[in-house]
C-alpha cells in the first residue's frame, strides 16, 4: 500500500508518489482533463475504475470537483489508517494513471485534503498556511514558481501557491489552493506538466455549482 507519511499539507504530499513515475519526455498537456463528464457522484470507497465520468461532491465545505475522464481513484489508499481526526484526512486523490505504474510523462493528479486549523496555533486565514505549504514543498526539491496569489472561484477566495520541480528532461508543476473554513484547512493540490494543464485541472473545482476562476495578486 502506498500512503502519505502524514497529512500536514496533505495535498502537497502527492509529489512523493509523482516522483516514482516521473517523465523521461515532457507532455504536451493532458487532453483527458478536457473530457470530464460530470454525471455521477464519486464515492470514496469505490474502486478506481468506478471514478470515470463522475464528480466528487463535498457538502461540508460546499465544493464539487469534476474528475477528468478516465482517471483512477486512490483516495482510500492514501487515507491509510486515518483514525484520528486531529491528523486530518485525504478527501480525494485522483490520478491520470495508477501511481504504481511507470510512465513516460508526469502522472498528473488532484489531491484534496483537510486538516484542523487548530494544528497551527495562531492560524486565522489561508495566507497563514502559505509558510507550512512552502516549507514542505521546498524541503522535497520544489521551488516557488511565483509569489502567492488570490484565486477567486465562484466568489470564494483561495490563496494559491505554485511550485516547480526539475526532473531532468521534464519539469513537474504543482499548484496548491488553500481554503480556511469551518475551523479547517482544505488544500487543493494539482500536479501537471504545463501551466495549461494546471489551469484545466483547477477549472474542475467549483463552489455552489458555479464555474470560472479569476486570479489576482495577493494583498
N, C-alpha and C. Protein backbone atom coordinates (compact mmCIF):
# COMPACT_ATOMS: atom_id res chain seq x y z
N UNK A 1 0.84 -1.19 0.00
CA UNK A 1 0.00 0.00 0.00
C UNK A 1 0.88 1.24 0.00
N UNK A 2 0.50 2.24 -0.80
CA UNK A 2 1.22 3.50 -0.77
C UNK A 2 0.35 4.51 -0.05
N UNK A 3 0.97 5.35 0.75
CA UNK A 3 0.21 6.34 1.51
C UNK A 3 1.13 7.48 1.90
N UNK A 4 0.61 8.67 2.16
CA UNK A 4 1.45 9.75 2.64
C UNK A 4 1.93 9.45 4.05
N UNK A 5 3.09 10.01 4.41
CA UNK A 5 3.63 9.77 5.74
C UNK A 5 2.86 10.55 6.79
N UNK A 6 2.28 11.67 6.42
CA UNK A 6 1.47 12.45 7.33
C UNK A 6 0.55 13.32 6.50
N UNK A 7 -0.42 13.94 7.11
CA UNK A 7 -1.43 14.65 6.36
C UNK A 7 -1.18 16.16 6.35
N UNK A 8 -0.26 16.65 7.14
CA UNK A 8 0.07 18.07 7.12
C UNK A 8 0.31 18.52 5.69
N UNK A 9 -0.44 19.53 5.25
CA UNK A 9 -0.37 19.97 3.85
C UNK A 9 -0.50 18.76 2.92
N UNK A 10 -1.51 17.96 3.18
CA UNK A 10 -1.63 16.66 2.52
C UNK A 10 -1.64 16.76 1.02
N UNK A 11 -2.24 17.84 0.48
CA UNK A 11 -2.24 17.97 -0.96
C UNK A 11 -0.84 18.00 -1.53
N UNK A 12 0.09 18.64 -0.83
CA UNK A 12 1.45 18.74 -1.31
C UNK A 12 2.14 17.39 -1.35
N UNK A 13 1.74 16.46 -0.50
CA UNK A 13 2.42 15.19 -0.37
C UNK A 13 2.29 14.30 -1.59
N UNK A 14 1.40 14.66 -2.50
CA UNK A 14 1.21 13.82 -3.68
C UNK A 14 2.49 13.72 -4.50
N UNK A 15 3.38 14.72 -4.42
CA UNK A 15 4.57 14.67 -5.24
C UNK A 15 5.48 13.52 -4.84
N UNK A 16 5.34 12.97 -3.62
CA UNK A 16 6.11 11.81 -3.22
C UNK A 16 5.79 10.63 -4.12
N UNK A 17 4.52 10.52 -4.47
CA UNK A 17 4.10 9.46 -5.39
C UNK A 17 4.48 9.81 -6.83
N UNK A 18 4.35 11.09 -7.18
CA UNK A 18 4.62 11.51 -8.54
C UNK A 18 6.06 11.23 -8.94
N UNK A 19 6.99 11.42 -8.02
CA UNK A 19 8.40 11.29 -8.36
C UNK A 19 8.75 9.86 -8.75
N UNK A 20 7.96 8.89 -8.32
CA UNK A 20 8.22 7.49 -8.66
C UNK A 20 7.85 7.18 -10.09
N UNK A 21 6.98 8.01 -10.67
CA UNK A 21 6.54 7.76 -12.04
C UNK A 21 6.79 9.00 -12.89
N UNK A 22 7.92 9.67 -12.65
CA UNK A 22 8.22 10.90 -13.36
C UNK A 22 8.63 10.61 -14.79
N UNK A 23 8.73 11.69 -15.57
CA UNK A 23 8.83 11.52 -17.01
C UNK A 23 10.25 11.47 -17.52
N UNK A 24 10.41 10.89 -18.72
CA UNK A 24 11.62 11.00 -19.50
C UNK A 24 11.44 12.04 -20.59
N UNK A 25 10.20 12.22 -21.02
CA UNK A 25 9.88 13.20 -22.04
C UNK A 25 8.74 14.07 -21.56
N UNK A 26 8.76 15.39 -21.86
CA UNK A 26 7.69 16.26 -21.41
C UNK A 26 6.41 16.00 -22.17
N UNK A 27 5.30 16.16 -21.48
CA UNK A 27 3.99 16.00 -22.11
C UNK A 27 3.56 17.31 -22.72
N UNK A 28 2.71 17.26 -23.72
CA UNK A 28 2.18 18.48 -24.32
C UNK A 28 0.93 18.94 -23.63
N UNK A 29 0.60 18.28 -22.52
CA UNK A 29 -0.60 18.66 -21.78
C UNK A 29 -1.57 17.51 -21.74
N UNK A 30 -2.44 17.54 -20.76
CA UNK A 30 -3.38 16.43 -20.59
C UNK A 30 -4.67 16.72 -21.32
N UNK A 31 -4.97 15.88 -22.29
CA UNK A 31 -6.23 16.06 -23.01
C UNK A 31 -7.38 15.50 -22.21
N UNK A 32 -7.09 14.61 -21.26
CA UNK A 32 -8.16 13.96 -20.52
C UNK A 32 -8.94 14.95 -19.68
N UNK A 33 -8.27 16.04 -19.21
CA UNK A 33 -8.98 16.98 -18.35
C UNK A 33 -10.01 17.78 -19.13
N UNK A 34 -9.90 17.76 -20.46
CA UNK A 34 -10.89 18.48 -21.25
C UNK A 34 -12.16 17.67 -21.44
N UNK A 35 -12.06 16.37 -21.16
CA UNK A 35 -13.18 15.48 -21.47
C UNK A 35 -13.96 15.04 -20.25
N UNK A 36 -13.83 15.79 -19.14
CA UNK A 36 -14.54 15.39 -17.93
C UNK A 36 -16.04 15.40 -18.18
N UNK A 37 -16.71 14.38 -17.67
CA UNK A 37 -18.15 14.25 -17.88
C UNK A 37 -18.84 14.13 -16.54
N UNK A 38 -19.37 15.26 -16.03
CA UNK A 38 -19.99 15.26 -14.70
C UNK A 38 -21.35 14.61 -14.71
N UNK A 39 -21.39 13.32 -14.35
CA UNK A 39 -22.67 12.64 -14.40
C UNK A 39 -23.08 12.02 -13.08
N UNK A 40 -22.12 11.54 -12.28
CA UNK A 40 -22.48 10.85 -11.07
C UNK A 40 -21.58 11.28 -9.93
N UNK A 41 -21.94 10.86 -8.75
CA UNK A 41 -21.19 11.22 -7.54
C UNK A 41 -20.10 10.21 -7.25
N UNK A 42 -18.91 10.70 -6.92
CA UNK A 42 -17.81 9.82 -6.59
C UNK A 42 -17.92 9.38 -5.15
N UNK A 43 -17.96 8.09 -4.93
CA UNK A 43 -17.96 7.56 -3.58
C UNK A 43 -16.54 7.18 -3.22
N UNK A 44 -16.10 7.62 -2.04
CA UNK A 44 -14.70 7.44 -1.68
C UNK A 44 -14.30 5.97 -1.61
N UNK A 45 -15.26 5.08 -1.28
CA UNK A 45 -14.90 3.68 -1.12
C UNK A 45 -14.91 2.92 -2.43
N UNK A 46 -15.28 3.59 -3.53
CA UNK A 46 -15.37 2.89 -4.80
C UNK A 46 -13.99 2.56 -5.36
N UNK A 47 -13.86 1.46 -6.12
CA UNK A 47 -12.59 1.14 -6.75
C UNK A 47 -12.26 2.14 -7.84
N UNK A 48 -11.01 2.10 -8.29
CA UNK A 48 -10.51 3.10 -9.24
C UNK A 48 -11.35 3.17 -10.51
N UNK A 49 -11.75 2.03 -11.05
CA UNK A 49 -12.46 2.01 -12.32
C UNK A 49 -13.81 2.71 -12.25
N UNK A 50 -14.35 2.87 -11.05
CA UNK A 50 -15.66 3.49 -10.92
C UNK A 50 -15.60 5.01 -10.87
N UNK A 51 -14.39 5.58 -10.94
CA UNK A 51 -14.27 7.03 -10.86
C UNK A 51 -14.59 7.72 -12.18
N UNK A 52 -14.55 6.97 -13.27
CA UNK A 52 -14.76 7.53 -14.59
C UNK A 52 -16.10 8.25 -14.70
N UNK A 53 -16.06 9.44 -15.30
CA UNK A 53 -17.26 10.22 -15.61
C UNK A 53 -18.02 10.67 -14.35
N UNK A 54 -17.33 10.98 -13.27
CA UNK A 54 -18.04 11.33 -12.05
C UNK A 54 -17.51 12.60 -11.40
N UNK A 55 -18.27 13.07 -10.43
CA UNK A 55 -17.93 14.29 -9.70
C UNK A 55 -17.80 13.97 -8.22
N UNK A 56 -16.80 14.55 -7.59
CA UNK A 56 -16.70 14.46 -6.14
C UNK A 56 -17.44 15.66 -5.55
N UNK A 57 -18.35 15.40 -4.63
CA UNK A 57 -19.13 16.46 -4.00
C UNK A 57 -18.83 16.48 -2.51
N UNK A 58 -18.58 17.65 -1.98
CA UNK A 58 -18.30 17.78 -0.55
C UNK A 58 -19.26 18.79 0.06
N UNK A 59 -20.35 18.31 0.67
CA UNK A 59 -21.34 19.23 1.25
C UNK A 59 -20.82 19.98 2.46
N UNK A 60 -19.83 19.43 3.15
CA UNK A 60 -19.31 20.10 4.34
C UNK A 60 -18.67 21.43 4.00
N UNK A 61 -17.88 21.46 2.93
CA UNK A 61 -17.18 22.68 2.55
C UNK A 61 -17.77 23.33 1.30
N UNK A 62 -18.82 22.73 0.77
CA UNK A 62 -19.59 23.35 -0.30
C UNK A 62 -18.91 23.42 -1.65
N UNK A 63 -18.12 22.40 -2.01
CA UNK A 63 -17.48 22.42 -3.32
C UNK A 63 -17.71 21.10 -4.04
N UNK A 64 -17.50 21.13 -5.34
CA UNK A 64 -17.51 19.93 -6.15
C UNK A 64 -16.24 19.93 -6.99
N UNK A 65 -15.79 18.73 -7.35
CA UNK A 65 -14.65 18.64 -8.27
C UNK A 65 -14.98 17.65 -9.37
N UNK A 66 -14.87 18.11 -10.62
CA UNK A 66 -15.10 17.26 -11.77
C UNK A 66 -13.81 16.53 -12.10
N UNK A 67 -13.82 15.24 -11.91
CA UNK A 67 -12.62 14.42 -12.13
C UNK A 67 -12.44 14.18 -13.63
N UNK A 68 -11.25 14.40 -14.17
CA UNK A 68 -11.03 14.16 -15.61
C UNK A 68 -11.41 12.74 -16.02
N UNK A 69 -11.92 12.64 -17.20
CA UNK A 69 -12.39 11.36 -17.73
C UNK A 69 -11.28 10.32 -17.74
N UNK A 70 -11.57 9.14 -17.22
CA UNK A 70 -10.65 8.03 -17.28
C UNK A 70 -9.62 7.97 -16.18
N UNK A 71 -9.61 8.95 -15.27
CA UNK A 71 -8.62 8.94 -14.19
C UNK A 71 -8.96 7.86 -13.16
N UNK A 72 -7.94 7.52 -12.33
CA UNK A 72 -8.13 6.45 -11.34
C UNK A 72 -8.21 7.04 -9.94
N UNK A 73 -8.99 6.39 -9.10
CA UNK A 73 -9.23 6.84 -7.73
C UNK A 73 -8.31 6.09 -6.77
N UNK A 74 -7.53 6.84 -6.00
CA UNK A 74 -6.68 6.24 -4.98
C UNK A 74 -6.94 6.89 -3.62
N UNK A 75 -8.14 7.40 -3.43
CA UNK A 75 -8.48 8.08 -2.19
C UNK A 75 -8.34 7.15 -0.99
N UNK A 76 -8.91 5.99 -1.10
CA UNK A 76 -8.89 5.05 0.03
C UNK A 76 -7.46 4.67 0.41
N UNK A 77 -6.62 4.41 -0.60
CA UNK A 77 -5.25 4.01 -0.31
C UNK A 77 -4.46 5.13 0.36
N UNK A 78 -4.69 6.37 -0.06
CA UNK A 78 -3.95 7.49 0.52
C UNK A 78 -4.47 7.86 1.90
N UNK A 79 -5.70 7.50 2.18
CA UNK A 79 -6.23 7.76 3.52
C UNK A 79 -5.54 6.88 4.55
N UNK A 80 -5.17 5.67 4.16
CA UNK A 80 -4.50 4.78 5.09
C UNK A 80 -5.35 4.50 6.30
N UNK A 81 -4.71 4.50 7.46
CA UNK A 81 -5.40 4.22 8.72
C UNK A 81 -5.68 5.52 9.46
N UNK A 82 -6.51 6.35 8.88
CA UNK A 82 -6.79 7.66 9.47
C UNK A 82 -7.88 7.53 10.52
N UNK A 83 -7.47 7.24 11.73
CA UNK A 83 -8.45 7.09 12.80
C UNK A 83 -8.55 8.29 13.69
N UNK A 84 -7.60 9.22 13.58
CA UNK A 84 -7.55 10.39 14.43
C UNK A 84 -7.89 11.63 13.61
N UNK A 85 -9.09 12.21 13.82
CA UNK A 85 -9.50 13.37 13.03
C UNK A 85 -8.58 14.57 13.22
N UNK A 86 -7.82 14.60 14.33
CA UNK A 86 -6.91 15.72 14.58
C UNK A 86 -5.74 15.72 13.61
N UNK A 87 -5.52 14.59 12.92
CA UNK A 87 -4.42 14.49 11.98
C UNK A 87 -4.83 14.83 10.55
N UNK A 88 -6.10 15.10 10.34
CA UNK A 88 -6.55 15.45 9.01
C UNK A 88 -6.95 14.25 8.19
N UNK A 89 -7.38 14.52 6.94
CA UNK A 89 -7.89 13.45 6.10
C UNK A 89 -7.77 13.80 4.63
N UNK A 90 -7.42 12.81 3.83
CA UNK A 90 -7.45 12.96 2.38
C UNK A 90 -8.90 12.79 1.93
N UNK A 91 -9.43 13.79 1.26
CA UNK A 91 -10.82 13.74 0.80
C UNK A 91 -10.94 13.13 -0.60
N UNK A 92 -9.97 13.44 -1.44
CA UNK A 92 -9.98 12.93 -2.81
C UNK A 92 -8.54 12.82 -3.31
N UNK A 93 -8.22 11.71 -3.93
CA UNK A 93 -6.92 11.53 -4.58
C UNK A 93 -7.16 10.83 -5.91
N UNK A 94 -6.99 11.56 -7.00
CA UNK A 94 -7.25 11.02 -8.33
C UNK A 94 -6.02 11.24 -9.21
N UNK A 95 -5.70 10.23 -10.03
CA UNK A 95 -4.50 10.24 -10.84
C UNK A 95 -4.82 9.92 -12.30
N UNK A 96 -4.00 10.47 -13.19
CA UNK A 96 -4.19 10.19 -14.60
C UNK A 96 -3.96 8.70 -14.90
N UNK A 97 -3.02 8.11 -14.21
CA UNK A 97 -2.78 6.67 -14.30
C UNK A 97 -2.42 6.16 -12.91
N UNK A 98 -2.48 4.87 -12.66
CA UNK A 98 -2.15 4.35 -11.34
C UNK A 98 -0.76 4.80 -10.90
N UNK A 99 -0.59 5.34 -9.69
CA UNK A 99 0.72 5.82 -9.24
C UNK A 99 1.79 4.74 -9.25
N UNK A 100 1.39 3.48 -9.11
CA UNK A 100 2.37 2.40 -9.08
C UNK A 100 2.85 2.01 -10.46
N UNK A 101 2.21 2.56 -11.51
CA UNK A 101 2.57 2.22 -12.89
C UNK A 101 3.52 3.26 -13.45
N UNK A 102 4.70 2.82 -13.91
CA UNK A 102 5.67 3.73 -14.50
C UNK A 102 5.13 4.25 -15.83
N UNK A 103 5.58 5.43 -16.21
CA UNK A 103 5.14 6.01 -17.47
C UNK A 103 6.18 6.95 -18.02
N UNK A 104 5.93 7.48 -19.20
CA UNK A 104 6.89 8.35 -19.87
C UNK A 104 6.57 9.83 -19.66
N UNK A 105 5.54 10.13 -18.90
CA UNK A 105 5.19 11.52 -18.61
C UNK A 105 4.90 11.67 -17.12
N UNK A 106 4.85 12.90 -16.68
CA UNK A 106 4.44 13.17 -15.30
C UNK A 106 3.04 12.62 -15.10
N UNK A 107 2.82 11.94 -14.02
CA UNK A 107 1.50 11.40 -13.72
C UNK A 107 0.66 12.50 -13.08
N UNK A 108 -0.15 13.16 -13.87
CA UNK A 108 -0.96 14.26 -13.38
C UNK A 108 -1.89 13.79 -12.27
N UNK A 109 -2.23 14.69 -11.35
CA UNK A 109 -3.02 14.27 -10.19
C UNK A 109 -3.76 15.44 -9.57
N UNK A 110 -4.78 15.09 -8.81
CA UNK A 110 -5.51 16.05 -7.97
C UNK A 110 -5.66 15.41 -6.60
N UNK A 111 -5.22 16.11 -5.57
CA UNK A 111 -5.38 15.62 -4.21
C UNK A 111 -6.01 16.74 -3.37
N UNK A 112 -7.11 16.42 -2.74
CA UNK A 112 -7.80 17.36 -1.86
C UNK A 112 -7.77 16.81 -0.45
N UNK A 113 -7.32 17.63 0.50
CA UNK A 113 -7.16 17.15 1.87
C UNK A 113 -7.67 18.19 2.86
N UNK A 114 -7.98 17.71 4.06
CA UNK A 114 -8.49 18.57 5.12
C UNK A 114 -7.72 18.29 6.40
N UNK A 115 -7.45 19.33 7.16
CA UNK A 115 -6.88 19.16 8.49
C UNK A 115 -7.37 20.29 9.38
N UNK A 116 -7.42 20.07 10.68
CA UNK A 116 -7.94 21.11 11.59
C UNK A 116 -7.00 22.31 11.67
N UNK A 117 -7.58 23.49 11.65
CA UNK A 117 -6.78 24.71 11.76
C UNK A 117 -6.09 24.79 13.12
N UNK A 118 -6.63 24.10 14.10
CA UNK A 118 -6.06 24.12 15.44
C UNK A 118 -4.67 23.49 15.49
N UNK A 119 -4.29 22.77 14.41
CA UNK A 119 -2.96 22.18 14.34
C UNK A 119 -1.88 23.25 14.21
N UNK A 120 -2.30 24.46 13.85
CA UNK A 120 -1.37 25.57 13.65
C UNK A 120 -1.80 26.74 14.53
N UNK A 121 -1.26 26.83 15.73
CA UNK A 121 -1.64 27.91 16.66
C UNK A 121 -1.47 29.28 16.01
N UNK A 122 -2.51 30.09 16.10
CA UNK A 122 -2.46 31.43 15.55
C UNK A 122 -2.93 31.53 14.11
N UNK A 123 -3.17 30.40 13.46
CA UNK A 123 -3.62 30.44 12.07
C UNK A 123 -5.07 30.91 12.01
N UNK A 124 -5.30 31.97 11.24
CA UNK A 124 -6.64 32.52 11.11
C UNK A 124 -7.10 32.58 9.66
N UNK A 125 -6.17 32.76 8.75
CA UNK A 125 -6.52 32.91 7.34
C UNK A 125 -5.72 31.94 6.48
N UNK A 126 -6.16 31.80 5.23
CA UNK A 126 -5.44 30.92 4.30
C UNK A 126 -4.01 31.39 4.08
N UNK A 127 -3.80 32.69 4.12
CA UNK A 127 -2.46 33.23 3.92
C UNK A 127 -1.50 32.75 5.00
N UNK A 128 -2.02 32.46 6.19
CA UNK A 128 -1.17 31.98 7.28
C UNK A 128 -0.65 30.56 7.03
N UNK A 129 -1.24 29.88 6.05
CA UNK A 129 -0.85 28.50 5.75
C UNK A 129 0.19 28.42 4.64
N UNK A 130 0.48 29.56 4.03
CA UNK A 130 1.45 29.58 2.94
C UNK A 130 2.82 29.10 3.42
N UNK A 131 3.22 29.53 4.61
CA UNK A 131 4.52 29.15 5.14
C UNK A 131 4.69 27.64 5.27
N UNK A 132 3.78 26.93 5.96
CA UNK A 132 3.91 25.47 6.06
C UNK A 132 3.90 24.77 4.71
N UNK A 133 3.05 25.21 3.78
CA UNK A 133 3.00 24.58 2.46
C UNK A 133 4.32 24.77 1.74
N UNK A 134 4.85 26.00 1.76
CA UNK A 134 6.10 26.29 1.07
C UNK A 134 7.27 25.55 1.70
N UNK A 135 7.31 25.50 3.01
CA UNK A 135 8.40 24.81 3.70
C UNK A 135 8.44 23.33 3.33
N UNK A 136 7.28 22.70 3.30
CA UNK A 136 7.22 21.28 2.97
C UNK A 136 7.61 21.05 1.52
N UNK A 137 7.09 21.87 0.62
CA UNK A 137 7.38 21.69 -0.80
C UNK A 137 8.86 21.88 -1.10
N UNK A 138 9.46 22.92 -0.56
CA UNK A 138 10.87 23.18 -0.83
C UNK A 138 11.78 22.13 -0.20
N UNK A 139 11.34 21.54 0.90
CA UNK A 139 12.14 20.50 1.54
C UNK A 139 12.20 19.23 0.70
N UNK A 140 11.29 19.11 -0.26
CA UNK A 140 11.23 17.94 -1.13
C UNK A 140 11.70 18.24 -2.55
N UNK A 141 12.40 19.37 -2.71
CA UNK A 141 13.00 19.66 -4.00
C UNK A 141 12.23 20.58 -4.90
N UNK A 142 11.10 21.10 -4.46
CA UNK A 142 10.34 22.05 -5.25
C UNK A 142 10.86 23.46 -5.03
N UNK A 143 10.63 24.31 -6.02
CA UNK A 143 10.96 25.73 -5.91
C UNK A 143 9.70 26.56 -6.15
N UNK A 144 9.61 27.67 -5.46
CA UNK A 144 8.46 28.56 -5.68
C UNK A 144 8.53 29.11 -7.09
N UNK A 145 7.41 29.02 -7.81
CA UNK A 145 7.36 29.48 -9.19
C UNK A 145 6.92 30.93 -9.29
N UNK A 146 6.25 31.42 -8.26
CA UNK A 146 5.75 32.79 -8.26
C UNK A 146 5.32 33.15 -6.85
N UNK A 147 5.03 34.42 -6.64
CA UNK A 147 4.52 34.84 -5.35
C UNK A 147 3.11 34.28 -5.15
N UNK A 148 2.70 34.04 -3.90
CA UNK A 148 1.32 33.60 -3.65
C UNK A 148 0.33 34.60 -4.23
N UNK A 149 -0.79 34.11 -4.68
CA UNK A 149 -1.83 34.96 -5.25
C UNK A 149 -3.18 34.55 -4.69
N UNK A 150 -4.19 35.33 -5.01
CA UNK A 150 -5.56 35.00 -4.60
C UNK A 150 -6.34 34.56 -5.82
N UNK A 151 -6.93 33.40 -5.73
CA UNK A 151 -7.75 32.86 -6.82
C UNK A 151 -9.21 32.88 -6.39
N UNK A 152 -10.04 33.52 -7.18
CA UNK A 152 -11.47 33.58 -6.89
C UNK A 152 -12.19 32.52 -7.71
N UNK A 153 -12.82 31.58 -7.02
CA UNK A 153 -13.57 30.50 -7.68
C UNK A 153 -15.02 30.63 -7.27
N UNK A 154 -15.86 31.08 -8.19
CA UNK A 154 -17.28 31.25 -7.92
C UNK A 154 -17.51 32.14 -6.69
N UNK A 155 -16.70 33.18 -6.55
CA UNK A 155 -16.85 34.11 -5.45
C UNK A 155 -16.14 33.70 -4.17
N UNK A 156 -15.59 32.50 -4.15
CA UNK A 156 -14.84 32.02 -2.98
C UNK A 156 -13.36 32.30 -3.22
N UNK A 157 -12.72 33.02 -2.29
CA UNK A 157 -11.32 33.36 -2.46
C UNK A 157 -10.41 32.34 -1.78
N UNK A 158 -9.46 31.82 -2.55
CA UNK A 158 -8.49 30.87 -2.06
C UNK A 158 -7.09 31.42 -2.33
N UNK A 159 -6.16 31.12 -1.44
CA UNK A 159 -4.77 31.51 -1.66
C UNK A 159 -4.09 30.42 -2.49
N UNK A 160 -3.34 30.85 -3.50
CA UNK A 160 -2.70 29.91 -4.42
C UNK A 160 -1.18 29.98 -4.30
N UNK A 161 -0.55 28.82 -4.22
CA UNK A 161 0.91 28.71 -4.20
C UNK A 161 1.34 27.80 -5.34
N UNK A 162 2.31 28.26 -6.14
CA UNK A 162 2.77 27.49 -7.29
C UNK A 162 4.24 27.10 -7.11
N UNK A 163 4.54 25.85 -7.49
CA UNK A 163 5.89 25.32 -7.35
C UNK A 163 6.27 24.54 -8.61
N UNK A 164 7.58 24.40 -8.81
CA UNK A 164 8.08 23.56 -9.89
C UNK A 164 9.20 22.67 -9.35
N UNK A 165 9.40 21.54 -10.03
CA UNK A 165 10.48 20.63 -9.65
C UNK A 165 11.10 20.07 -10.92
N UNK A 166 12.41 20.24 -11.05
CA UNK A 166 13.13 19.75 -12.22
C UNK A 166 13.37 18.26 -12.09
N UNK A 167 12.88 17.50 -13.07
CA UNK A 167 13.04 16.05 -13.06
C UNK A 167 13.97 15.59 -14.17
N UNK A 168 14.79 16.52 -14.67
CA UNK A 168 15.70 16.16 -15.75
C UNK A 168 15.22 16.72 -17.07
N UNK A 169 14.54 15.89 -17.85
CA UNK A 169 14.04 16.34 -19.15
C UNK A 169 12.63 16.91 -19.07
N UNK A 170 12.08 16.95 -17.90
CA UNK A 170 10.72 17.47 -17.75
C UNK A 170 10.62 18.23 -16.43
N UNK A 171 9.75 19.19 -16.38
CA UNK A 171 9.51 19.95 -15.16
C UNK A 171 8.13 19.62 -14.62
N UNK A 172 8.07 19.20 -13.38
CA UNK A 172 6.79 18.94 -12.73
C UNK A 172 6.26 20.23 -12.14
N UNK A 173 5.00 20.51 -12.34
CA UNK A 173 4.37 21.70 -11.79
C UNK A 173 3.34 21.32 -10.74
N UNK A 174 3.31 22.09 -9.69
CA UNK A 174 2.35 21.85 -8.61
C UNK A 174 1.71 23.17 -8.21
N UNK A 175 0.41 23.17 -8.13
CA UNK A 175 -0.33 24.34 -7.66
C UNK A 175 -1.22 23.90 -6.50
N UNK A 176 -1.10 24.57 -5.37
CA UNK A 176 -1.91 24.26 -4.20
C UNK A 176 -2.78 25.45 -3.85
N UNK A 177 -4.07 25.21 -3.77
CA UNK A 177 -5.03 26.23 -3.35
C UNK A 177 -5.39 25.97 -1.90
N UNK A 178 -5.51 27.05 -1.13
CA UNK A 178 -5.74 26.92 0.31
C UNK A 178 -7.04 27.62 0.69
N UNK A 179 -7.88 26.89 1.40
CA UNK A 179 -9.14 27.43 1.92
C UNK A 179 -9.20 27.18 3.42
N UNK A 180 -9.51 28.21 4.18
CA UNK A 180 -9.74 28.06 5.62
C UNK A 180 -11.21 28.31 5.87
N UNK A 181 -11.90 27.29 6.36
CA UNK A 181 -13.35 27.37 6.54
C UNK A 181 -13.78 26.37 7.61
N UNK A 182 -14.71 26.77 8.43
CA UNK A 182 -15.26 25.89 9.46
C UNK A 182 -14.17 25.29 10.34
N UNK A 183 -13.22 26.14 10.73
CA UNK A 183 -12.11 25.75 11.61
C UNK A 183 -11.26 24.63 10.99
N UNK A 184 -11.26 24.56 9.68
CA UNK A 184 -10.47 23.56 8.98
C UNK A 184 -9.66 24.22 7.86
N UNK A 185 -8.57 23.56 7.52
CA UNK A 185 -7.79 23.94 6.34
C UNK A 185 -8.07 22.90 5.27
N UNK A 186 -8.49 23.36 4.11
CA UNK A 186 -8.71 22.47 2.98
C UNK A 186 -7.69 22.84 1.91
N UNK A 187 -6.88 21.87 1.50
CA UNK A 187 -5.88 22.12 0.46
C UNK A 187 -6.27 21.36 -0.80
N UNK A 188 -6.18 22.07 -1.93
CA UNK A 188 -6.47 21.50 -3.24
C UNK A 188 -5.16 21.52 -4.02
N UNK A 189 -4.56 20.37 -4.27
CA UNK A 189 -3.27 20.33 -4.95
C UNK A 189 -3.41 19.68 -6.32
N UNK A 190 -2.83 20.37 -7.31
CA UNK A 190 -2.91 19.91 -8.70
C UNK A 190 -1.49 19.69 -9.22
N UNK A 191 -1.25 18.54 -9.81
CA UNK A 191 0.06 18.19 -10.37
C UNK A 191 -0.09 18.05 -11.88
N UNK A 192 0.83 18.66 -12.62
CA UNK A 192 0.80 18.56 -14.07
C UNK A 192 2.14 18.90 -14.66
N UNK A 193 2.21 18.93 -15.98
CA UNK A 193 3.47 19.17 -16.67
C UNK A 193 3.52 20.53 -17.33
N UNK A 194 2.40 21.23 -17.40
CA UNK A 194 2.38 22.54 -18.04
C UNK A 194 1.40 23.46 -17.33
N UNK A 195 1.58 24.76 -17.54
CA UNK A 195 0.65 25.72 -16.95
C UNK A 195 -0.75 25.54 -17.50
N UNK A 196 -0.86 25.21 -18.77
CA UNK A 196 -2.18 25.00 -19.36
C UNK A 196 -2.88 23.81 -18.72
N UNK A 197 -2.13 22.75 -18.45
CA UNK A 197 -2.75 21.58 -17.83
C UNK A 197 -3.20 21.90 -16.41
N UNK A 198 -2.37 22.62 -15.67
CA UNK A 198 -2.76 23.01 -14.31
C UNK A 198 -4.03 23.85 -14.36
N UNK A 199 -4.10 24.76 -15.32
CA UNK A 199 -5.29 25.60 -15.45
C UNK A 199 -6.53 24.76 -15.69
N UNK A 200 -6.42 23.77 -16.56
CA UNK A 200 -7.56 22.89 -16.84
C UNK A 200 -7.99 22.13 -15.60
N UNK A 201 -7.02 21.65 -14.83
CA UNK A 201 -7.35 20.89 -13.63
C UNK A 201 -8.02 21.79 -12.58
N UNK A 202 -7.52 23.01 -12.44
CA UNK A 202 -8.12 23.94 -11.48
C UNK A 202 -9.56 24.26 -11.87
N UNK A 203 -9.82 24.33 -13.16
CA UNK A 203 -11.17 24.65 -13.64
C UNK A 203 -12.19 23.57 -13.29
N UNK A 204 -11.74 22.41 -12.85
CA UNK A 204 -12.66 21.37 -12.41
C UNK A 204 -13.26 21.63 -11.05
N UNK A 205 -12.71 22.62 -10.33
CA UNK A 205 -13.20 22.96 -9.00
C UNK A 205 -14.28 24.01 -9.07
N UNK A 206 -15.35 23.82 -8.32
CA UNK A 206 -16.42 24.82 -8.29
C UNK A 206 -17.07 24.85 -6.92
N UNK A 207 -17.61 26.01 -6.59
CA UNK A 207 -18.34 26.20 -5.34
C UNK A 207 -19.76 26.63 -5.68
N UNK A 208 -20.72 26.00 -5.06
CA UNK A 208 -22.10 26.39 -5.26
C UNK A 208 -22.62 26.12 -6.65
N UNK A 209 -21.98 25.21 -7.38
CA UNK A 209 -22.46 24.85 -8.70
C UNK A 209 -22.07 25.81 -9.79
N UNK A 210 -21.24 26.82 -9.45
CA UNK A 210 -20.84 27.80 -10.46
C UNK A 210 -19.62 27.36 -11.23
N UNK A 211 -19.12 28.24 -12.10
CA UNK A 211 -17.94 27.95 -12.90
C UNK A 211 -17.11 29.21 -13.03
N UNK A 212 -15.82 29.04 -13.25
CA UNK A 212 -14.97 30.18 -13.51
C UNK A 212 -14.04 30.50 -12.36
N UNK A 213 -12.81 30.86 -12.70
CA UNK A 213 -11.82 31.22 -11.69
C UNK A 213 -11.08 32.45 -12.16
N UNK A 214 -10.78 33.34 -11.24
CA UNK A 214 -10.06 34.57 -11.59
C UNK A 214 -8.94 34.78 -10.58
N UNK A 215 -7.72 34.99 -11.11
CA UNK A 215 -6.56 35.15 -10.27
C UNK A 215 -6.21 36.62 -10.10
N UNK A 216 -5.85 37.02 -8.90
CA UNK A 216 -5.41 38.38 -8.62
C UNK A 216 -4.25 38.33 -7.66
N UNK A 217 -3.38 39.35 -7.66
CA UNK A 217 -2.23 39.34 -6.74
C UNK A 217 -2.68 39.28 -5.30
N UNK A 218 -1.89 38.61 -4.49
CA UNK A 218 -2.18 38.53 -3.07
C UNK A 218 -1.96 39.89 -2.42
N UNK A 219 -2.91 40.30 -1.58
CA UNK A 219 -2.80 41.58 -0.89
C UNK A 219 -2.25 41.37 0.51
